[in-house]
Amino acid sequence: MIVWVSAKDLYRVSAYDNAQVRSFGEISKIDFSVDLHDNAYANLNLDVYSANINVADHAKADLNGNADEMTLRHNYSATVNNYSFKAVHLTENKVNFPAEVKDDVAGI
């Protein structure tokens, strides 16, 4: 099933199971939150002041755009591609990472 949503005041996206969320064009907001679980996938182009991104389980997020403030929370089995996303201030919280992986990732 495919559902197209057009929203004037969209400020949060949550997806579960095998759901896919994609933005067509840029999402421009002051605050925007993304919450992905299970095997959910999001491909988003954001132009926001504050982004709160939570990627859990085996979910995947492809992020493009920019934010002044970004909080990224993800676990070891999640995938976050934010190479094309620029944040002035980034706070990253790694959940359930083995100690040696946390140290290795932090050193990069």
PDB file of N, CA and C in Angstrom:
ATOM      1  N   MET A   1       0.826  -1.153   0.000  1.00  0.00           N
ATOM      2  CA  MET A   1       0.000   0.000   0.000  1.00  0.00           C
ATOM      3  C   MET A   1       0.888   1.240   0.000  1.00  0.00           C
ATOM      4  N   ILE A   2       0.521   2.203  -0.778  1.00  0.00           N
ATOM      5  CA  ILE A   2       1.231   3.485  -0.820  1.00  0.00           C
ATOM      6  C   ILE A   2       0.261   4.570  -0.380  1.00  0.00           C
ATOM      7  N   VAL A   3       0.709   5.394   0.551  1.00  0.00           N
ATOM      8  CA  VAL A   3      -0.102   6.496   1.049  1.00  0.00           C
ATOM      9  C   VAL A   3       0.678   7.784   0.826  1.00  0.00           C
ATOM     10  N   TRP A   4       0.071   8.729   0.107  1.00  0.00           N
ATOM     11  CA  TRP A   4       0.680  10.035  -0.103  1.00  0.00           C
ATOM     12  C   TRP A   4       0.070  11.000   0.901  1.00  0.00           C
ATOM     13  N   VAL A   5       0.912  11.717   1.611  1.00  0.00           N
ATOM     14  CA  VAL A   5       0.429  12.652   2.623  1.00  0.00           C
ATOM     15  C   VAL A   5       0.965  14.041   2.288  1.00  0.00           C
ATOM     16  N   SER A   6       0.065  14.985   2.278  1.00  0.00           N
ATOM     17  CA  SER A   6       0.442  16.383   2.116  1.00  0.00           C
ATOM     18  C   SER A   6       0.009  17.095   3.390  1.00  0.00           C
ATOM     19  N   ALA A   7       0.959  17.698   4.084  1.00  0.00           N
ATOM     20  CA  ALA A   7       0.634  18.323   5.361  1.00  0.00           C
ATOM     21  C   ALA A   7       1.268  19.699   5.449  1.00  0.00           C
ATOM     22  N   LYS A   8       0.495  20.636   5.921  1.00  0.00           N
ATOM     23  CA  LYS A   8       0.991  21.987   6.083  1.00  0.00           C
ATOM     24  C   LYS A   8       1.786  22.137   7.375  1.00  0.00           C
ATOM     25  N   ASP A   9       1.384  21.403   8.420  1.00  0.00           N
ATOM     26  CA  ASP A   9       2.002  21.553   9.729  1.00  0.00           C
ATOM     27  C   ASP A   9       2.660  20.264  10.212  1.00  0.00           C
ATOM     28  N   LEU A  10       3.375  19.590   9.371  1.00  0.00           N
ATOM     29  CA  LEU A  10       4.057  18.354   9.737  1.00  0.00           C
ATOM     30  C   LEU A  10       5.311  18.693  10.541  1.00  0.00           C
ATOM     31  N   TYR A  11       5.430  18.130  11.746  1.00  0.00           N
ATOM     32  CA  TYR A  11       6.593  18.399  12.577  1.00  0.00           C
ATOM     33  C   TYR A  11       7.211  17.128  13.142  1.00  0.00           C
ATOM     34  N   ARG A  12       6.559  15.964  12.910  1.00  0.00           N
ATOM     35  CA  ARG A  12       7.084  14.704  13.423  1.00  0.00           C
ATOM     36  C   ARG A  12       6.663  13.573  12.500  1.00  0.00           C
ATOM     37  N   VAL A  13       7.614  12.633  12.295  1.00  0.00           N
ATOM     38  CA  VAL A  13       7.335  11.424  11.527  1.00  0.00           C
ATOM     39  C   VAL A  13       7.777  10.235  12.362  1.00  0.00           C
ATOM     40  N   SER A  14       6.874   9.276  12.544  1.00  0.00           N
ATOM     41  CA  SER A  14       7.187   8.020  13.218  1.00  0.00           C
ATOM     42  C   SER A  14       6.821   6.883  12.281  1.00  0.00           C
ATOM     43  N   ALA A  15       7.719   5.897  12.164  1.00  0.00           N
ATOM     44  CA  ALA A  15       7.445   4.765  11.282  1.00  0.00           C
ATOM     45  C   ALA A  15       7.894   3.479  11.962  1.00  0.00           C
ATOM     46  N   TYR A  16       7.136   2.412  11.721  1.00  0.00           N
ATOM     47  CA  TYR A  16       7.383   1.109  12.339  1.00  0.00           C
ATOM     48  C   TYR A  16       7.299   0.018  11.282  1.00  0.00           C
ATOM     49  N   ASP A  17       7.713  -1.171  11.680  1.00  0.00           N
ATOM     50  CA  ASP A  17       7.662  -2.364  10.825  1.00  0.00           C
ATOM     51  C   ASP A  17       8.463  -2.123   9.549  1.00  0.00           C
ATOM     52  N   ASN A  18       7.864  -2.300   8.387  1.00  0.00           N
ATOM     53  CA  ASN A  18       8.561  -2.130   7.108  1.00  0.00           C
ATOM     54  C   ASN A  18       8.132  -0.866   6.377  1.00  0.00           C
ATOM     55  N   ALA A  19       7.631   0.113   7.100  1.00  0.00           N
ATOM     56  CA  ALA A  19       7.151   1.355   6.485  1.00  0.00           C
ATOM     57  C   ALA A  19       8.306   2.142   5.885  1.00  0.00           C
ATOM     58  N   GLN A  20       8.005   2.882   4.823  1.00  0.00           N
ATOM     59  CA  GLN A  20       8.978   3.765   4.189  1.00  0.00           C
ATOM     60  C   GLN A  20       8.409   5.175   4.154  1.00  0.00           C
ATOM     61  N   VAL A  21       9.246   6.136   4.517  1.00  0.00           N
ATOM     62  CA  VAL A  21       8.861   7.547   4.511  1.00  0.00           C
ATOM     63  C   VAL A  21       9.857   8.281   3.634  1.00  0.00           C
ATOM     64  N   ARG A  22       9.340   9.050   2.684  1.00  0.00           N
ATOM     65  CA  ARG A  22      10.205   9.829   1.789  1.00  0.00           C
ATOM     66  C   ARG A  22       9.651  11.237   1.646  1.00  0.00           C
ATOM     67  N   SER A  23      10.543  12.194   1.630  1.00  0.00           N
ATOM     68  CA  SER A  23      10.100  13.567   1.368  1.00  0.00           C
ATOM     69  C   SER A  23      10.349  13.869  -0.101  1.00  0.00           C
ATOM     70  N   PHE A  24       9.404  14.545  -0.687  1.00  0.00           N
ATOM     71  CA  PHE A  24       9.553  15.010  -2.063  1.00  0.00           C
ATOM     72  C   PHE A  24       9.699  16.510  -1.975  1.00  0.00           C
ATOM     73  N   GLY A  25      10.923  16.969  -2.103  1.00  0.00           N
ATOM     74  CA  GLY A  25      11.226  18.361  -1.840  1.00  0.00           C
ATOM     75  C   GLY A  25      11.755  18.506  -0.423  1.00  0.00           C
ATOM     76  N   GLU A  26      11.952  19.729  -0.019  1.00  0.00           N
ATOM     77  CA  GLU A  26      12.573  20.025   1.266  1.00  0.00           C
ATOM     78  C   GLU A  26      11.521  20.257   2.349  1.00  0.00           C
ATOM     79  N   ILE A  27      11.744  19.662   3.517  1.00  0.00           N
ATOM     80  CA  ILE A  27      10.908  19.927   4.684  1.00  0.00           C
ATOM     81  C   ILE A  27      11.577  21.055   5.445  1.00  0.00           C
ATOM     82  N   SER A  28      10.906  22.195   5.504  1.00  0.00           N
ATOM     83  CA  SER A  28      11.473  23.375   6.136  1.00  0.00           C
ATOM     84  C   SER A  28      10.639  23.728   7.366  1.00  0.00           C
ATOM     85  N   LYS A  29      11.223  23.498   8.546  1.00  0.00           N
ATOM     86  CA  LYS A  29      10.532  23.743   9.814  1.00  0.00           C
ATOM     87  C   LYS A  29      11.527  24.283  10.835  1.00  0.00           C
ATOM     88  N   ILE A  30      11.004  24.765  11.956  1.00  0.00           N
ATOM     89  CA  ILE A  30      11.877  25.149  13.055  1.00  0.00           C
ATOM     90  C   ILE A  30      12.339  23.890  13.776  1.00  0.00           C
ATOM     91  N   ASP A  31      11.398  23.022  14.153  1.00  0.00           N
ATOM     92  CA  ASP A  31      11.714  21.753  14.821  1.00  0.00           C
ATOM     93  C   ASP A  31      11.115  20.611  14.020  1.00  0.00           C
ATOM     94  N   PHE A  32      11.881  19.533  13.879  1.00  0.00           N
ATOM     95  CA  PHE A  32      11.363  18.351  13.190  1.00  0.00           C
ATOM     96  C   PHE A  32      11.942  17.110  13.850  1.00  0.00           C
ATOM     97  N   SER A  33      11.085  16.114  14.070  1.00  0.00           N
ATOM     98  CA  SER A  33      11.505  14.871  14.732  1.00  0.00           C
ATOM     99  C   SER A  33      11.206  13.678  13.841  1.00  0.00           C
ATOM    100  N   VAL A  34      12.130  12.724  13.869  1.00  0.00           N
ATOM    101  CA  VAL A  34      11.980  11.473  13.130  1.00  0.00           C
ATOM    102  C   VAL A  34      12.206  10.341  14.123  1.00  0.00           C
ATOM    103  N   ASP A  35      11.298   9.371  14.134  1.00  0.00           N
ATOM    104  CA  ASP A  35      11.377   8.238  15.049  1.00  0.00           C
ATOM    105  C   ASP A  35      11.134   6.963  14.241  1.00  0.00           C
ATOM    106  N   LEU A  36      12.192   6.164  14.039  1.00  0.00           N
ATOM    107  CA  LEU A  36      12.101   4.958  13.212  1.00  0.00           C
ATOM    108  C   LEU A  36      12.358   3.716  14.054  1.00  0.00           C
ATOM    109  N   HIS A  37      11.564   2.676  13.816  1.00  0.00           N
ATOM    110  CA  HIS A  37      11.690   1.423  14.562  1.00  0.00           C
ATOM    111  C   HIS A  37      11.561   0.229  13.622  1.00  0.00           C
ATOM    112  N   ASP A  38      11.943  -0.929  14.140  1.00  0.00           N
ATOM    113  CA  ASP A  38      11.851  -2.202  13.406  1.00  0.00           C
ATOM    114  C   ASP A  38      12.685  -2.109  12.131  1.00  0.00           C
ATOM    115  N   ASN A  39      12.082  -2.289  10.965  1.00  0.00           N
ATOM    116  CA  ASN A  39      12.788  -2.198   9.682  1.00  0.00           C
ATOM    117  C   ASN A  39      12.339  -0.985   8.878  1.00  0.00           C
ATOM    118  N   ALA A  40      11.846   0.031   9.541  1.00  0.00           N
ATOM    119  CA  ALA A  40      11.358   1.230   8.861  1.00  0.00           C
ATOM    120  C   ALA A  40      12.511   1.954   8.163  1.00  0.00           C
ATOM    121  N   TYR A  41      12.165   2.712   7.121  1.00  0.00           N
ATOM    122  CA  TYR A  41      13.159   3.447   6.334  1.00  0.00           C
ATOM    123  C   TYR A  41      12.648   4.864   6.088  1.00  0.00           C
ATOM    124  N   ALA A  42      13.532   5.840   6.205  1.00  0.00           N
ATOM    125  CA  ALA A  42      13.189   7.227   5.890  1.00  0.00           C
ATOM    126  C   ALA A  42      14.279   7.843   5.029  1.00  0.00           C
ATOM    127  N   ASN A  43      13.857   8.532   3.981  1.00  0.00           N
ATOM    128  CA  ASN A  43      14.748   9.299   3.116  1.00  0.00           C
ATOM    129  C   ASN A  43      14.195  10.715   3.122  1.00  0.00           C
ATOM    130  N   LEU A  44      14.869  11.607   3.863  1.00  0.00           N
ATOM    131  CA  LEU A  44      14.327  12.939   4.100  1.00  0.00           C
ATOM    132  C   LEU A  44      15.322  14.025   3.744  1.00  0.00           C
ATOM    133  N   ASN A  45      14.798  15.115   3.179  1.00  0.00           N
ATOM    134  CA  ASN A  45      15.573  16.308   2.883  1.00  0.00           C
ATOM    135  C   ASN A  45      15.049  17.397   3.814  1.00  0.00           C
ATOM    136  N   LEU A  46      15.860  17.785   4.799  1.00  0.00           N
ATOM    137  CA  LEU A  46      15.426  18.709   5.844  1.00  0.00           C
ATOM    138  C   LEU A  46      16.182  20.025   5.794  1.00  0.00           C
ATOM    139  N   ASP A  47      15.467  21.110   6.046  1.00  0.00           N
ATOM    140  CA  ASP A  47      16.066  22.420   6.279  1.00  0.00           C
ATOM    141  C   ASP A  47      15.404  22.937   7.550  1.00  0.00           C
ATOM    142  N   VAL A  48      16.017  22.629   8.704  1.00  0.00           N
ATOM    143  CA  VAL A  48      15.386  22.895   9.993  1.00  0.00           C
ATOM    144  C   VAL A  48      16.365  23.568  10.947  1.00  0.00           C
ATOM    145  N   TYR A  49      15.807  24.203  11.968  1.00  0.00           N
ATOM    146  CA  TYR A  49      16.667  24.727  13.020  1.00  0.00           C
ATOM    147  C   TYR A  49      17.101  23.588  13.940  1.00  0.00           C
ATOM    148  N   SER A  50      16.131  22.751  14.356  1.00  0.00           N
ATOM    149  CA  SER A  50      16.413  21.674  15.294  1.00  0.00           C
ATOM    150  C   SER A  50      15.863  20.355  14.767  1.00  0.00           C
ATOM    151  N   ALA A  51      16.725  19.347  14.662  1.00  0.00           N
ATOM    152  CA  ALA A  51      16.319  18.020  14.218  1.00  0.00           C
ATOM    153  C   ALA A  51      16.580  17.017  15.325  1.00  0.00           C
ATOM    154  N   ASN A  52      15.582  16.202  15.631  1.00  0.00           N
ATOM    155  CA  ASN A  52      15.710  15.122  16.606  1.00  0.00           C
ATOM    156  C   ASN A  52      15.468  13.823  15.863  1.00  0.00           C
ATOM    157  N   ILE A  53      16.500  13.016  15.724  1.00  0.00           N
ATOM    158  CA  ILE A  53      16.428  11.792  14.935  1.00  0.00           C
ATOM    159  C   ILE A  53      16.684  10.595  15.847  1.00  0.00           C
ATOM    160  N   ASN A  54      15.740   9.650  15.866  1.00  0.00           N
ATOM    161  CA  ASN A  54      15.884   8.427  16.641  1.00  0.00           C
ATOM    162  C   ASN A  54      15.728   7.249  15.681  1.00  0.00           C
ATOM    163  N   VAL A  55      16.772   6.427  15.565  1.00  0.00           N
ATOM    164  CA  VAL A  55      16.749   5.272  14.663  1.00  0.00           C
ATOM    165  C   VAL A  55      17.058   4.035  15.504  1.00  0.00           C
ATOM    166  N   ALA A  56      16.064   3.154  15.644  1.00  0.00           N
ATOM    167  CA  ALA A  56      16.191   1.998  16.526  1.00  0.00           C
ATOM    168  C   ALA A  56      16.046   0.698  15.740  1.00  0.00           C
ATOM    169  N   ASP A  57      16.359  -0.393  16.414  1.00  0.00           N
ATOM    170  CA  ASP A  57      16.224  -1.736  15.849  1.00  0.00           C
ATOM    171  C   ASP A  57      17.059  -1.839  14.571  1.00  0.00           C
ATOM    172  N   HIS A  58      16.467  -2.266  13.469  1.00  0.00           N
ATOM    173  CA  HIS A  58      17.181  -2.384  12.195  1.00  0.00           C
ATOM    174  C   HIS A  58      16.725  -1.308  11.203  1.00  0.00           C
ATOM    175  N   ALA A  59      16.214  -0.214  11.710  1.00  0.00           N
ATOM    176  CA  ALA A  59      15.724   0.867  10.862  1.00  0.00           C
ATOM    177  C   ALA A  59      16.884   1.567  10.160  1.00  0.00           C
ATOM    178  N   LYS A  60      16.536   2.315   9.092  1.00  0.00           N
ATOM    179  CA  LYS A  60      17.545   3.011   8.307  1.00  0.00           C
ATOM    180  C   LYS A  60      17.052   4.414   7.978  1.00  0.00           C
ATOM    181  N   ALA A  61      17.963   5.393   8.054  1.00  0.00           N
ATOM    182  CA  ALA A  61      17.636   6.777   7.709  1.00  0.00           C
ATOM    183  C   ALA A  61      18.687   7.325   6.757  1.00  0.00           C
ATOM    184  N   ASP A  62      18.233   7.883   5.651  1.00  0.00           N
ATOM    185  CA  ASP A  62      19.081   8.641   4.728  1.00  0.00           C
ATOM    186  C   ASP A  62      18.672  10.097   4.875  1.00  0.00           C
ATOM    187  N   LEU A  63      19.596  10.930   5.368  1.00  0.00           N
ATOM    188  CA  LEU A  63      19.281  12.322   5.656  1.00  0.00           C
ATOM    189  C   LEU A  63      20.074  13.248   4.753  1.00  0.00           C
ATOM    190  N   ASN A  64      19.399  14.249   4.224  1.00  0.00           N
ATOM    191  CA  ASN A  64      20.013  15.292   3.406  1.00  0.00           C
ATOM    192  C   ASN A  64      19.560  16.633   3.947  1.00  0.00           C
ATOM    193  N   GLY A  65      20.340  17.676   3.715  1.00  0.00           N
ATOM    194  CA  GLY A  65      19.945  19.013   4.127  1.00  0.00           C
ATOM    195  C   GLY A  65      20.807  19.555   5.244  1.00  0.00           C
ATOM    196  N   ASN A  66      20.172  20.360   6.135  1.00  0.00           N
ATOM    197  CA  ASN A  66      20.940  20.995   7.195  1.00  0.00           C
ATOM    198  C   ASN A  66      20.068  21.334   8.400  1.00  0.00           C
ATOM    199  N   ALA A  67      20.761  21.552   9.522  1.00  0.00           N
ATOM    200  CA  ALA A  67      20.126  21.966  10.769  1.00  0.00           C
ATOM    201  C   ALA A  67      21.153  22.717  11.603  1.00  0.00           C
ATOM    202  N   ASP A  68      20.689  23.636  12.404  1.00  0.00           N
ATOM    203  CA  ASP A  68      21.590  24.285  13.356  1.00  0.00           C
ATOM    204  C   ASP A  68      21.892  23.335  14.507  1.00  0.00           C
ATOM    205  N   GLU A  69      20.845  22.700  15.034  1.00  0.00           N
ATOM    206  CA  GLU A  69      20.976  21.761  16.151  1.00  0.00           C
ATOM    207  C   GLU A  69      20.462  20.398  15.715  1.00  0.00           C
ATOM    208  N   MET A  70      21.229  19.355  15.984  1.00  0.00           N
ATOM    209  CA  MET A  70      20.768  18.008  15.645  1.00  0.00           C
ATOM    210  C   MET A  70      21.098  17.059  16.789  1.00  0.00           C
ATOM    211  N   THR A  71      20.092  16.307  17.209  1.00  0.00           N
ATOM    212  CA  THR A  71      20.284  15.241  18.178  1.00  0.00           C
ATOM    213  C   THR A  71      20.010  13.937  17.458  1.00  0.00           C
ATOM    214  N   LEU A  72      21.024  13.083  17.401  1.00  0.00           N
ATOM    215  CA  LEU A  72      20.923  11.800  16.705  1.00  0.00           C
ATOM    216  C   LEU A  72      21.087  10.691  17.727  1.00  0.00           C
ATOM    217  N   ARG A  73      20.075   9.839  17.830  1.00  0.00           N
ATOM    218  CA  ARG A  73      20.117   8.694  18.744  1.00  0.00           C
ATOM    219  C   ARG A  73      19.907   7.445  17.895  1.00  0.00           C
ATOM    220  N   HIS A  74      20.856   6.509  17.984  1.00  0.00           N
ATOM    221  CA  HIS A  74      20.732   5.287  17.192  1.00  0.00           C
ATOM    222  C   HIS A  74      21.398   4.135  17.909  1.00  0.00           C
ATOM    223  N   ASN A  75      20.984   2.925  17.554  1.00  0.00           N
ATOM    224  CA  ASN A  75      21.590   1.751  18.162  1.00  0.00           C
ATOM    225  C   ASN A  75      22.544   1.097  17.170  1.00  0.00           C
ATOM    226  N   TYR A  76      23.181   0.040  17.613  1.00  0.00           N
ATOM    227  CA  TYR A  76      24.235  -0.622  16.834  1.00  0.00           C
ATOM    228  C   TYR A  76      23.733  -1.220  15.521  1.00  0.00           C
ATOM    229  N   SER A  77      22.522  -1.733  15.501  1.00  0.00           N
ATOM    230  CA  SER A  77      22.020  -2.404  14.300  1.00  0.00           C
ATOM    231  C   SER A  77      21.312  -1.446  13.346  1.00  0.00           C
ATOM    232  N   ALA A  78      21.110  -0.216  13.720  1.00  0.00           N
ATOM    233  CA  ALA A  78      20.474   0.778  12.857  1.00  0.00           C
ATOM    234  C   ALA A  78      21.494   1.356  11.882  1.00  0.00           C
ATOM    235  N   THR A  79      20.988   1.913  10.794  1.00  0.00           N
ATOM    236  CA  THR A  79      21.850   2.536   9.794  1.00  0.00           C
ATOM    237  C   THR A  79      21.428   3.986   9.602  1.00  0.00           C
ATOM    238  N   VAL A  80      22.392   4.891   9.726  1.00  0.00           N
ATOM    239  CA  VAL A  80      22.124   6.313   9.514  1.00  0.00           C
ATOM    240  C   VAL A  80      23.139   6.836   8.513  1.00  0.00           C
ATOM    241  N   ASN A  81      22.633   7.302   7.382  1.00  0.00           N
ATOM    242  CA  ASN A  81      23.481   7.907   6.360  1.00  0.00           C
ATOM    243  C   ASN A  81      23.220   9.408   6.412  1.00  0.00           C
ATOM    244  N   ASN A  82      24.104  10.140   7.069  1.00  0.00           N
ATOM    245  CA  ASN A  82      23.949  11.586   7.164  1.00  0.00           C
ATOM    246  C   ASN A  82      25.146  12.302   6.528  1.00  0.00           C
ATOM    247  N   TYR A  83      25.764  11.658   5.543  1.00  0.00           N
ATOM    248  CA  TYR A  83      26.920  12.251   4.864  1.00  0.00           C
ATOM    249  C   TYR A  83      26.535  13.579   4.193  1.00  0.00           C
ATOM    250  N   SER A  84      25.317  13.646   3.655  1.00  0.00           N
ATOM    251  CA  SER A  84      24.860  14.854   2.968  1.00  0.00           C
ATOM    252  C   SER A  84      24.044  15.759   3.877  1.00  0.00           C
ATOM    253  N   PHE A  85      24.150  15.547   5.180  1.00  0.00           N
ATOM    254  CA  PHE A  85      23.421  16.367   6.138  1.00  0.00           C
ATOM    255  C   PHE A  85      24.424  17.162   6.957  1.00  0.00           C
ATOM    256  N   LYS A  86      24.255  18.457   7.010  1.00  0.00           N
ATOM    257  CA  LYS A  86      25.178  19.325   7.744  1.00  0.00           C
ATOM    258  C   LYS A  86      24.486  19.897   8.974  1.00  0.00           C
ATOM    259  N   ALA A  87      25.096  19.684  10.143  1.00  0.00           N
ATOM    260  CA  ALA A  87      24.576  20.232  11.391  1.00  0.00           C
ATOM    261  C   ALA A  87      25.651  21.092  12.037  1.00  0.00           C
ATOM    262  N   VAL A  88      25.273  22.280  12.484  1.00  0.00           N
ATOM    263  CA  VAL A  88      26.214  23.164  13.167  1.00  0.00           C
ATOM    264  C   VAL A  88      26.611  22.548  14.506  1.00  0.00           C
ATOM    265  N   HIS A  89      25.620  22.065  15.265  1.00  0.00           N
ATOM    266  CA  HIS A  89      25.867  21.402  16.554  1.00  0.00           C
ATOM    267  C   HIS A  89      25.210  20.033  16.521  1.00  0.00           C
ATOM    268  N   LEU A  90      26.009  18.987  16.693  1.00  0.00           N
ATOM    269  CA  LEU A  90      25.515  17.616  16.655  1.00  0.00           C
ATOM    270  C   LEU A  90      25.737  16.952  18.003  1.00  0.00           C
ATOM    271  N   THR A  91      24.673  16.373  18.551  1.00  0.00           N
ATOM    272  CA  THR A  91      24.753  15.549  19.746  1.00  0.00           C
ATOM    273  C   THR A  91      24.370  14.145  19.324  1.00  0.00           C
ATOM    274  N   GLU A  92      25.293  13.204  19.491  1.00  0.00           N
ATOM    275  CA  GLU A  92      25.050  11.833  19.057  1.00  0.00           C
ATOM    276  C   GLU A  92      25.033  10.912  20.267  1.00  0.00           C
ATOM    277  N   ASN A  93      23.963  10.146  20.393  1.00  0.00           N
ATOM    278  CA  ASN A  93      23.821   9.176  21.471  1.00  0.00           C
ATOM    279  C   ASN A  93      23.776   7.786  20.864  1.00  0.00           C
ATOM    280  N   LYS A  94      24.783   6.987  21.175  1.00  0.00           N
ATOM    281  CA  LYS A  94      24.847   5.606  20.680  1.00  0.00           C
ATOM    282  C   LYS A  94      24.302   4.692  21.763  1.00  0.00           C
ATOM    283  N   VAL A  95      23.344   3.843  21.417  1.00  0.00           N
ATOM    284  CA  VAL A  95      22.682   2.961  22.362  1.00  0.00           C
ATOM    285  C   VAL A  95      23.027   1.516  22.023  1.00  0.00           C
ATOM    286  N   ASN A  96      23.394   0.733  23.021  1.00  0.00           N
ATOM    287  CA  ASN A  96      23.699  -0.691  22.857  1.00  0.00           C
ATOM    288  C   ASN A  96      24.883  -0.961  21.922  1.00  0.00           C
ATOM    289  N   PHE A  97      25.861  -0.079  21.902  1.00  0.00           N
ATOM    290  CA  PHE A  97      27.085  -0.305  21.143  1.00  0.00           C
ATOM    291  C   PHE A  97      28.073  -1.029  22.040  1.00  0.00           C
ATOM    292  N   PRO A  98      28.803  -2.016  21.505  1.00  0.00           N
ATOM    293  CA  PRO A  98      29.902  -2.599  22.290  1.00  0.00           C
ATOM    294  C   PRO A  98      30.932  -1.508  22.604  1.00  0.00           C
ATOM    295  N   ALA A  99      31.598  -1.587  23.728  1.00  0.00           N
ATOM    296  CA  ALA A  99      32.540  -0.547  24.159  1.00  0.00           C
ATOM    297  C   ALA A  99      33.619  -0.280  23.122  1.00  0.00           C
ATOM    298  N   GLU A 100      34.181  -1.343  22.512  1.00  0.00           N
ATOM    299  CA  GLU A 100      35.252  -1.129  21.540  1.00  0.00           C
ATOM    300  C   GLU A 100      34.752  -0.437  20.278  1.00  0.00           C
ATOM    301  N   VAL A 101      33.494  -0.637  19.903  1.00  0.00           N
ATOM    302  CA  VAL A 101      32.935   0.034  18.728  1.00  0.00           C
ATOM    303  C   VAL A 101      32.679   1.495  19.039  1.00  0.00           C
ATOM    304  N   LYS A 102      32.162   1.814  20.235  1.00  0.00           N
ATOM    305  CA  LYS A 102      31.940   3.200  20.628  1.00  0.00           C
ATOM    306  C   LYS A 102      33.231   3.989  20.558  1.00  0.00           C
ATOM    307  N   ASP A 103      34.300   3.420  21.093  1.00  0.00           N
ATOM    308  CA  ASP A 103      35.593   4.097  21.091  1.00  0.00           C
ATOM    309  C   ASP A 103      36.120   4.275  19.687  1.00  0.00           C
ATOM    310  N   ASP A 104      35.973   3.252  18.840  1.00  0.00           N
ATOM    311  CA  ASP A 104      36.476   3.320  17.469  1.00  0.00           C
ATOM    312  C   ASP A 104      35.715   4.342  16.660  1.00  0.00           C
ATOM    313  N   VAL A 105      34.392   4.368  16.768  1.00  0.00           N
ATOM    314  CA  VAL A 105      33.557   5.312  16.030  1.00  0.00           C
ATOM    315  C   VAL A 105      33.825   6.737  16.511  1.00  0.00           C
ATOM    316  N   ALA A 106      34.013   6.917  17.800  1.00  0.00           N
ATOM    317  CA  ALA A 106      34.268   8.246  18.345  1.00  0.00           C
ATOM    318  C   ALA A 106      35.603   8.809  17.852  1.00  0.00           C
ATOM    319  N   GLY A 107      36.560   7.946  17.552  1.00  0.00           N
ATOM    320  CA  GLY A 107      37.873   8.397  17.098  1.00  0.00           C
ATOM    321  C   GLY A 107      37.939   8.789  15.639  1.00  0.00           C
ATOM    322  N   ILE A 108      36.876   8.523  14.916  1.00  0.00           N
ATOM    323  CA  ILE A 108      36.892   8.842  13.465  1.00  0.00           C
ATOM    324  C   ILE A 108      36.549  10.275  13.249  1.00  0.00           C
TER     325      ILE A 108
END
